[in-house]
Amino acid sequence: MQKEIQHDLELKPTYPVKDLYTVKEVSEILIVNVNVVYDLIKSGTLKALKLGRYKIRRTTLLEFLERYETYDITDINDIKKLDYYTKK
């Protein structure tokens, strides 16, 4: 039973791994509204390039996730360390 549970929890990408993602794809990966991704880009929190429309490199997205892993970035103007991590 334990092996079945571990097998079911294996990370399976929803999107094909590629070098560039659209804002819509990033919003779906992060499970947020597209406007949140645009706000992250406009604030400089998430780097992007513009080729007709904004694109985010896979490596940039991974760096973003690692950099803000223990932070609350709900309010881009007031990014804070999560309480759980500040008490340790």
C-alpha atoms as a PDB file:
ATOM      1  CA  MET A   1       0.000   0.000   0.000  1.00  0.00           C
ATOM      2  CA  GLN A   2       2.777   2.457   0.901  1.00  0.00           C
ATOM      3  CA  LYS A   3       4.520   1.929  -2.444  1.00  0.00           C
ATOM      4  CA  GLU A   4       1.261   2.674  -4.279  1.00  0.00           C
ATOM      5  CA  ILE A   5       0.876   5.956  -2.387  1.00  0.00           C
ATOM      6  CA  GLN A   6       4.442   7.000  -3.156  1.00  0.00           C
ATOM      7  CA  HIS A   7       3.929   6.093  -6.808  1.00  0.00           C
ATOM      8  CA  ASP A   8       0.764   8.221  -6.988  1.00  0.00           C
ATOM      9  CA  LEU A   9       2.623  11.206  -5.534  1.00  0.00           C
ATOM     10  CA  GLU A  10       5.335  11.229  -8.172  1.00  0.00           C
ATOM     11  CA  LEU A  11       5.633  14.613  -9.825  1.00  0.00           C
ATOM     12  CA  LYS A  12       4.222  14.434 -13.313  1.00  0.00           C
ATOM     13  CA  PRO A  13       4.434  17.656 -15.316  1.00  0.00           C
ATOM     14  CA  THR A  14       1.118  19.034 -16.503  1.00  0.00           C
ATOM     15  CA  TYR A  15       2.881  21.056 -19.161  1.00  0.00           C
ATOM     16  CA  PRO A  16       5.624  19.879 -21.455  1.00  0.00           C
ATOM     17  CA  VAL A  17       9.030  21.079 -20.318  1.00  0.00           C
ATOM     18  CA  LYS A  18      10.067  23.864 -22.652  1.00  0.00           C
ATOM     19  CA  ASP A  19      12.317  26.901 -22.560  1.00  0.00           C
ATOM     20  CA  LEU A  20       9.623  29.610 -22.660  1.00  0.00           C
ATOM     21  CA  TYR A  21       6.174  29.819 -21.077  1.00  0.00           C
ATOM     22  CA  THR A  22       3.391  32.299 -21.751  1.00  0.00           C
ATOM     23  CA  VAL A  23       1.836  34.344 -18.951  1.00  0.00           C
ATOM     24  CA  LYS A  24      -1.230  32.106 -19.128  1.00  0.00           C
ATOM     25  CA  GLU A  25       0.865  28.966 -18.762  1.00  0.00           C
ATOM     26  CA  VAL A  26       2.768  30.432 -15.808  1.00  0.00           C
ATOM     27  CA  SER A  27      -0.503  31.444 -14.159  1.00  0.00           C
ATOM     28  CA  GLU A  28      -1.765  27.877 -14.503  1.00  0.00           C
ATOM     29  CA  ILE A  29       1.504  26.421 -13.196  1.00  0.00           C
ATOM     30  CA  LEU A  30       1.430  28.759 -10.177  1.00  0.00           C
ATOM     31  CA  ILE A  31      -2.350  28.338  -9.802  1.00  0.00           C
ATOM     32  CA  VAL A  32      -2.997  32.102  -9.822  1.00  0.00           C
ATOM     33  CA  ASN A  33      -4.867  34.564 -12.003  1.00  0.00           C
ATOM     34  CA  VAL A  34      -3.017  35.879 -15.081  1.00  0.00           C
ATOM     35  CA  ASN A  35      -3.213  39.374 -13.576  1.00  0.00           C
ATOM     36  CA  VAL A  36      -1.055  38.191 -10.682  1.00  0.00           C
ATOM     37  CA  VAL A  37       1.637  37.105 -13.145  1.00  0.00           C
ATOM     38  CA  TYR A  38       1.445  40.467 -14.936  1.00  0.00           C
ATOM     39  CA  ASP A  39       1.764  42.227 -11.553  1.00  0.00           C
ATOM     40  CA  LEU A  40       4.805  40.103 -10.686  1.00  0.00           C
ATOM     41  CA  ILE A  41       6.377  41.032 -14.032  1.00  0.00           C
ATOM     42  CA  LYS A  42       5.555  44.751 -13.766  1.00  0.00           C
ATOM     43  CA  SER A  43       6.971  44.919 -10.234  1.00  0.00           C
ATOM     44  CA  GLY A  44      10.214  43.247 -11.350  1.00  0.00           C
ATOM     45  CA  THR A  45       9.610  40.313  -8.996  1.00  0.00           C
ATOM     46  CA  LEU A  46       9.373  37.898 -11.933  1.00  0.00           C
ATOM     47  CA  LYS A  47      11.641  38.569 -14.889  1.00  0.00           C
ATOM     48  CA  ALA A  48      10.200  38.238 -18.375  1.00  0.00           C
ATOM     49  CA  LEU A  49      10.969  39.092 -21.959  1.00  0.00           C
ATOM     50  CA  LYS A  50       8.633  40.348 -24.596  1.00  0.00           C
ATOM     51  CA  LEU A  51       8.391  38.634 -27.962  1.00  0.00           C
ATOM     52  CA  GLY A  52       5.061  40.008 -29.097  1.00  0.00           C
ATOM     53  CA  ARG A  53       3.697  38.968 -25.683  1.00  0.00           C
ATOM     54  CA  TYR A  54       5.454  38.377 -22.391  1.00  0.00           C
ATOM     55  CA  LYS A  55       7.362  35.107 -22.076  1.00  0.00           C
ATOM     56  CA  ILE A  56       9.006  33.654 -18.986  1.00  0.00           C
ATOM     57  CA  ARG A  57      11.993  31.354 -19.242  1.00  0.00           C
ATOM     58  CA  ARG A  58      11.690  28.034 -17.441  1.00  0.00           C
ATOM     59  CA  THR A  59      14.940  28.693 -15.574  1.00  0.00           C
ATOM     60  CA  THR A  60      13.632  32.104 -14.477  1.00  0.00           C
ATOM     61  CA  LEU A  61      10.429  30.538 -13.169  1.00  0.00           C
ATOM     62  CA  LEU A  62      12.392  27.913 -11.243  1.00  0.00           C
ATOM     63  CA  GLU A  63      14.670  30.606  -9.761  1.00  0.00           C
ATOM     64  CA  PHE A  64      11.592  32.646  -8.771  1.00  0.00           C
ATOM     65  CA  LEU A  65      10.038  29.641  -7.009  1.00  0.00           C
ATOM     66  CA  GLU A  66      13.251  28.914  -5.153  1.00  0.00           C
ATOM     67  CA  ARG A  67      13.861  32.553  -4.156  1.00  0.00           C
ATOM     68  CA  TYR A  68      10.351  33.067  -2.748  1.00  0.00           C
ATOM     69  CA  GLU A  69       9.690  29.575  -1.388  1.00  0.00           C
ATOM     70  CA  THR A  70       9.386  30.693   2.263  1.00  0.00           C
ATOM     71  CA  TYR A  71       7.758  34.069   1.567  1.00  0.00           C
ATOM     72  CA  ASP A  72       4.263  35.494   1.407  1.00  0.00           C
ATOM     73  CA  ILE A  73       4.125  37.403  -1.864  1.00  0.00           C
ATOM     74  CA  THR A  74       0.366  37.935  -1.826  1.00  0.00           C
ATOM     75  CA  ASP A  75       1.043  41.694  -1.637  1.00  0.00           C
ATOM     76  CA  ILE A  76       3.902  42.385  -4.034  1.00  0.00           C
ATOM     77  CA  ASN A  77       4.552  45.726  -2.308  1.00  0.00           C
ATOM     78  CA  ASP A  78       4.927  44.021   1.082  1.00  0.00           C
ATOM     79  CA  ILE A  79       6.762  40.724   0.628  1.00  0.00           C
ATOM     80  CA  LYS A  80       7.303  39.023   3.977  1.00  0.00           C
ATOM     81  CA  LYS A  81       8.924  35.911   5.306  1.00  0.00           C
ATOM     82  CA  LEU A  82       6.191  33.451   6.324  1.00  0.00           C
ATOM     83  CA  ASP A  83       5.586  33.534  10.074  1.00  0.00           C
ATOM     84  CA  TYR A  84       6.421  29.886  10.425  1.00  0.00           C
ATOM     85  CA  TYR A  85       9.947  30.495   9.117  1.00  0.00           C
ATOM     86  CA  THR A  86      10.616  33.695  11.077  1.00  0.00           C
ATOM     87  CA  LYS A  87       9.982  32.019  14.450  1.00  0.00           C
ATOM     88  CA  LYS A  88      12.711  29.393  14.012  1.00  0.00           C
END
